[in-house]
Amino acid sequence: MGILIWIVFGIVSGAVARQVMPGPDPLGLVGSILLGLGGGLLGGTIGMLTTGTVVPGLDVRSLLMAIAGSLLTLLLYRSYAMRWPA
């Protein structure tokens, strides 16, 4: 059950990041899920390193960290995609 919650969490944070930073990205549903999951991991790691605590479970703080990580991941993806066009 835990993995399904994290997938839903990834969908939410990836969708919010895509709405905050709209653009011509060729990311579909799977790309947004991966963006959200990677962003959640990145946001959680940055939060843990800066605060020294781990946010247990799913709450508002972890959602905000996942969204911030998703925004950073989307920014990094766009800078990578702009540098090496297909």
N, C-alpha and C. Protein backbone atom coordinates (compact mmCIF):
# COMPACT_ATOMS: atom_id res chain seq x y z
N MET A 1 0.82 -1.19 0.00
CA MET A 1 0.00 0.00 0.00
C MET A 1 0.86 1.26 0.00
N GLY A 2 2.03 1.21 0.62
CA GLY A 2 2.89 2.38 0.71
C GLY A 2 3.35 2.90 -0.64
N ILE A 3 3.67 1.99 -1.56
CA ILE A 3 4.15 2.42 -2.87
C ILE A 3 3.04 3.13 -3.64
N LEU A 4 1.81 2.71 -3.47
CA LEU A 4 0.70 3.38 -4.14
C LEU A 4 0.51 4.80 -3.62
N ILE A 5 0.71 4.98 -2.32
CA ILE A 5 0.61 6.32 -1.74
C ILE A 5 1.69 7.21 -2.31
N TRP A 6 2.92 6.70 -2.44
CA TRP A 6 4.00 7.51 -2.98
C TRP A 6 3.80 7.82 -4.46
N ILE A 7 3.17 6.91 -5.20
CA ILE A 7 2.87 7.19 -6.61
C ILE A 7 1.83 8.31 -6.70
N VAL A 8 0.80 8.24 -5.87
CA VAL A 8 -0.21 9.30 -5.85
C VAL A 8 0.44 10.62 -5.42
N PHE A 9 1.31 10.56 -4.43
CA PHE A 9 2.04 11.74 -3.96
C PHE A 9 2.90 12.30 -5.09
N GLY A 10 3.53 11.43 -5.87
CA GLY A 10 4.33 11.86 -7.02
C GLY A 10 3.48 12.51 -8.09
N ILE A 11 2.30 11.96 -8.33
CA ILE A 11 1.40 12.56 -9.32
C ILE A 11 1.01 13.96 -8.88
N VAL A 12 0.67 14.11 -7.62
CA VAL A 12 0.23 15.42 -7.11
C VAL A 12 1.37 16.43 -7.18
N SER A 13 2.54 16.09 -6.68
CA SER A 13 3.64 17.06 -6.67
C SER A 13 4.13 17.35 -8.09
N GLY A 14 4.14 16.35 -8.96
CA GLY A 14 4.53 16.58 -10.35
C GLY A 14 3.53 17.45 -11.08
N ALA A 15 2.24 17.23 -10.82
CA ALA A 15 1.20 18.05 -11.46
C ALA A 15 1.26 19.49 -10.98
N VAL A 16 1.49 19.69 -9.69
CA VAL A 16 1.60 21.05 -9.16
C VAL A 16 2.81 21.75 -9.75
N ALA A 17 3.93 21.05 -9.84
CA ALA A 17 5.14 21.65 -10.43
C ALA A 17 4.91 22.02 -11.88
N ARG A 18 4.20 21.17 -12.63
CA ARG A 18 3.93 21.48 -14.03
C ARG A 18 2.97 22.65 -14.17
N GLN A 19 2.07 22.85 -13.20
CA GLN A 19 1.14 23.98 -13.25
C GLN A 19 1.84 25.29 -12.86
N VAL A 20 2.78 25.21 -11.93
CA VAL A 20 3.51 26.40 -11.49
C VAL A 20 4.47 26.86 -12.57
N MET A 21 5.14 25.91 -13.24
CA MET A 21 6.10 26.23 -14.29
C MET A 21 5.63 25.62 -15.61
N PRO A 22 4.60 26.19 -16.24
CA PRO A 22 4.13 25.62 -17.51
C PRO A 22 5.16 25.85 -18.62
N GLY A 23 5.15 24.97 -19.57
CA GLY A 23 6.08 25.10 -20.68
C GLY A 23 5.84 24.01 -21.70
N PRO A 24 6.61 24.03 -22.77
CA PRO A 24 6.42 23.06 -23.85
C PRO A 24 7.15 21.74 -23.61
N ASP A 25 7.07 21.22 -22.40
CA ASP A 25 7.76 19.97 -22.10
C ASP A 25 7.00 18.79 -22.68
N PRO A 26 7.71 17.82 -23.26
CA PRO A 26 7.05 16.65 -23.81
C PRO A 26 6.78 15.58 -22.76
N LEU A 27 6.58 15.97 -21.51
CA LEU A 27 6.33 15.01 -20.45
C LEU A 27 4.85 14.63 -20.45
N GLY A 28 4.58 13.36 -20.41
CA GLY A 28 3.22 12.88 -20.30
C GLY A 28 2.92 12.54 -18.85
N LEU A 29 1.98 11.64 -18.66
CA LEU A 29 1.60 11.23 -17.31
C LEU A 29 2.75 10.53 -16.60
N VAL A 30 3.41 9.61 -17.31
CA VAL A 30 4.52 8.87 -16.71
C VAL A 30 5.67 9.82 -16.39
N GLY A 31 5.96 10.75 -17.27
CA GLY A 31 7.02 11.73 -17.01
C GLY A 31 6.70 12.61 -15.83
N SER A 32 5.44 13.00 -15.67
CA SER A 32 5.05 13.81 -14.52
C SER A 32 5.14 13.01 -13.22
N ILE A 33 4.80 11.73 -13.28
CA ILE A 33 4.93 10.87 -12.10
C ILE A 33 6.39 10.75 -11.71
N LEU A 34 7.24 10.49 -12.69
CA LEU A 34 8.67 10.36 -12.40
C LEU A 34 9.25 11.69 -11.90
N LEU A 35 8.80 12.79 -12.48
CA LEU A 35 9.21 14.11 -12.02
C LEU A 35 8.81 14.30 -10.55
N GLY A 36 7.59 13.94 -10.22
CA GLY A 36 7.12 14.09 -8.85
C GLY A 36 7.84 13.18 -7.87
N LEU A 37 8.09 11.93 -8.28
CA LEU A 37 8.80 11.01 -7.40
C LEU A 37 10.24 11.45 -7.19
N GLY A 38 10.90 11.85 -8.27
CA GLY A 38 12.27 12.36 -8.14
C GLY A 38 12.31 13.65 -7.34
N GLY A 39 11.33 14.50 -7.56
CA GLY A 39 11.26 15.75 -6.80
C GLY A 39 10.99 15.51 -5.32
N GLY A 40 10.15 14.54 -5.03
CA GLY A 40 9.91 14.20 -3.63
C GLY A 40 11.15 13.69 -2.93
N LEU A 41 11.90 12.87 -3.64
CA LEU A 41 13.16 12.36 -3.10
C LEU A 41 14.16 13.49 -2.91
N LEU A 42 14.26 14.35 -3.91
CA LEU A 42 15.19 15.49 -3.83
C LEU A 42 14.77 16.46 -2.73
N GLY A 43 13.48 16.79 -2.68
CA GLY A 43 12.99 17.70 -1.65
C GLY A 43 13.15 17.14 -0.25
N GLY A 44 12.89 15.86 -0.08
CA GLY A 44 13.07 15.23 1.23
C GLY A 44 14.53 15.20 1.66
N THR A 45 15.42 14.96 0.71
CA THR A 45 16.85 14.94 1.03
C THR A 45 17.34 16.34 1.41
N ILE A 46 16.95 17.34 0.63
CA ILE A 46 17.34 18.71 0.94
C ILE A 46 16.77 19.14 2.29
N GLY A 47 15.51 18.80 2.54
CA GLY A 47 14.90 19.13 3.83
C GLY A 47 15.58 18.45 4.99
N MET A 48 15.95 17.20 4.82
CA MET A 48 16.64 16.48 5.88
C MET A 48 18.02 17.07 6.14
N LEU A 49 18.71 17.46 5.08
CA LEU A 49 20.05 18.03 5.26
C LEU A 49 20.00 19.43 5.88
N THR A 50 18.98 20.21 5.56
CA THR A 50 18.92 21.58 6.08
C THR A 50 18.34 21.65 7.49
N THR A 51 17.37 20.79 7.81
CA THR A 51 16.75 20.85 9.13
C THR A 51 17.33 19.84 10.10
N GLY A 52 17.91 18.79 9.58
CA GLY A 52 18.47 17.76 10.45
C GLY A 52 17.43 16.77 10.96
N THR A 53 16.18 16.90 10.52
CA THR A 53 15.13 15.99 10.94
C THR A 53 14.49 15.35 9.71
N VAL A 54 13.90 14.21 9.94
CA VAL A 54 13.18 13.51 8.88
C VAL A 54 11.69 13.70 9.12
N VAL A 55 10.96 14.08 8.09
CA VAL A 55 9.51 14.24 8.22
C VAL A 55 8.88 12.86 8.12
N PRO A 56 8.29 12.39 9.23
CA PRO A 56 7.70 11.04 9.18
C PRO A 56 6.32 11.06 8.53
N GLY A 57 6.13 10.22 7.56
CA GLY A 57 4.82 10.08 6.94
C GLY A 57 4.50 11.17 5.94
N LEU A 58 3.26 11.20 5.55
CA LEU A 58 2.78 12.15 4.57
C LEU A 58 2.01 13.25 5.27
N ASP A 59 2.52 14.45 5.21
CA ASP A 59 1.83 15.60 5.78
C ASP A 59 2.09 16.81 4.89
N VAL A 60 1.67 17.97 5.34
CA VAL A 60 1.79 19.19 4.53
C VAL A 60 3.25 19.54 4.28
N ARG A 61 4.10 19.39 5.29
CA ARG A 61 5.52 19.71 5.11
C ARG A 61 6.17 18.83 4.05
N SER A 62 5.85 17.55 4.08
CA SER A 62 6.46 16.67 3.08
C SER A 62 5.90 16.96 1.69
N LEU A 63 4.63 17.35 1.60
CA LEU A 63 4.07 17.73 0.30
C LEU A 63 4.75 18.99 -0.23
N LEU A 64 4.96 19.97 0.62
CA LEU A 64 5.63 21.21 0.19
C LEU A 64 7.07 20.93 -0.23
N MET A 65 7.76 20.05 0.50
CA MET A 65 9.12 19.70 0.13
C MET A 65 9.14 18.95 -1.20
N ALA A 66 8.17 18.07 -1.42
CA ALA A 66 8.10 17.34 -2.67
C ALA A 66 7.82 18.28 -3.84
N ILE A 67 6.94 19.26 -3.63
CA ILE A 67 6.65 20.23 -4.69
C ILE A 67 7.89 21.07 -4.99
N ALA A 68 8.58 21.53 -3.94
CA ALA A 68 9.81 22.30 -4.15
C ALA A 68 10.86 21.46 -4.88
N GLY A 69 11.00 20.21 -4.49
CA GLY A 69 11.93 19.32 -5.18
C GLY A 69 11.51 19.06 -6.62
N SER A 70 10.21 18.95 -6.86
CA SER A 70 9.72 18.75 -8.23
C SER A 70 9.98 19.97 -9.09
N LEU A 71 9.82 21.16 -8.52
CA LEU A 71 10.13 22.38 -9.26
C LEU A 71 11.61 22.44 -9.61
N LEU A 72 12.46 22.07 -8.66
CA LEU A 72 13.90 22.06 -8.93
C LEU A 72 14.25 20.99 -9.97
N THR A 73 13.61 19.83 -9.87
CA THR A 73 13.85 18.77 -10.85
C THR A 73 13.39 19.19 -12.24
N LEU A 74 12.24 19.87 -12.33
CA LEU A 74 11.74 20.36 -13.61
C LEU A 74 12.68 21.41 -14.19
N LEU A 75 13.20 22.29 -13.34
CA LEU A 75 14.15 23.30 -13.79
C LEU A 75 15.42 22.64 -14.32
N LEU A 76 15.92 21.64 -13.62
CA LEU A 76 17.12 20.92 -14.08
C LEU A 76 16.84 20.17 -15.38
N TYR A 77 15.66 19.58 -15.49
CA TYR A 77 15.29 18.88 -16.72
C TYR A 77 15.24 19.85 -17.90
N ARG A 78 14.64 21.01 -17.68
CA ARG A 78 14.55 21.98 -18.76
C ARG A 78 15.91 22.50 -19.17
N SER A 79 16.80 22.73 -18.22
CA SER A 79 18.13 23.20 -18.59
C SER A 79 18.90 22.11 -19.35
N TYR A 80 18.69 20.88 -19.01
CA TYR A 80 19.31 19.76 -19.73
C TYR A 80 18.71 19.63 -21.12
N ALA A 81 17.39 19.72 -21.23
CA ALA A 81 16.72 19.56 -22.52
C ALA A 81 17.04 20.70 -23.47
N MET A 82 17.22 21.91 -22.94
CA MET A 82 17.55 23.05 -23.79
C MET A 82 18.98 22.96 -24.32
N ARG A 83 19.86 22.34 -23.55
CA ARG A 83 21.25 22.25 -23.94
C ARG A 83 21.46 21.22 -25.04
N TRP A 84 20.74 20.08 -24.97
CA TRP A 84 20.89 19.02 -25.94
C TRP A 84 19.54 18.73 -26.59
N PRO A 85 19.21 19.47 -27.63
CA PRO A 85 17.92 19.20 -28.29
C PRO A 85 17.94 17.86 -29.03
N ALA A 86 16.77 17.29 -29.15
CA ALA A 86 16.64 15.98 -29.81
C ALA A 86 16.77 16.07 -31.31
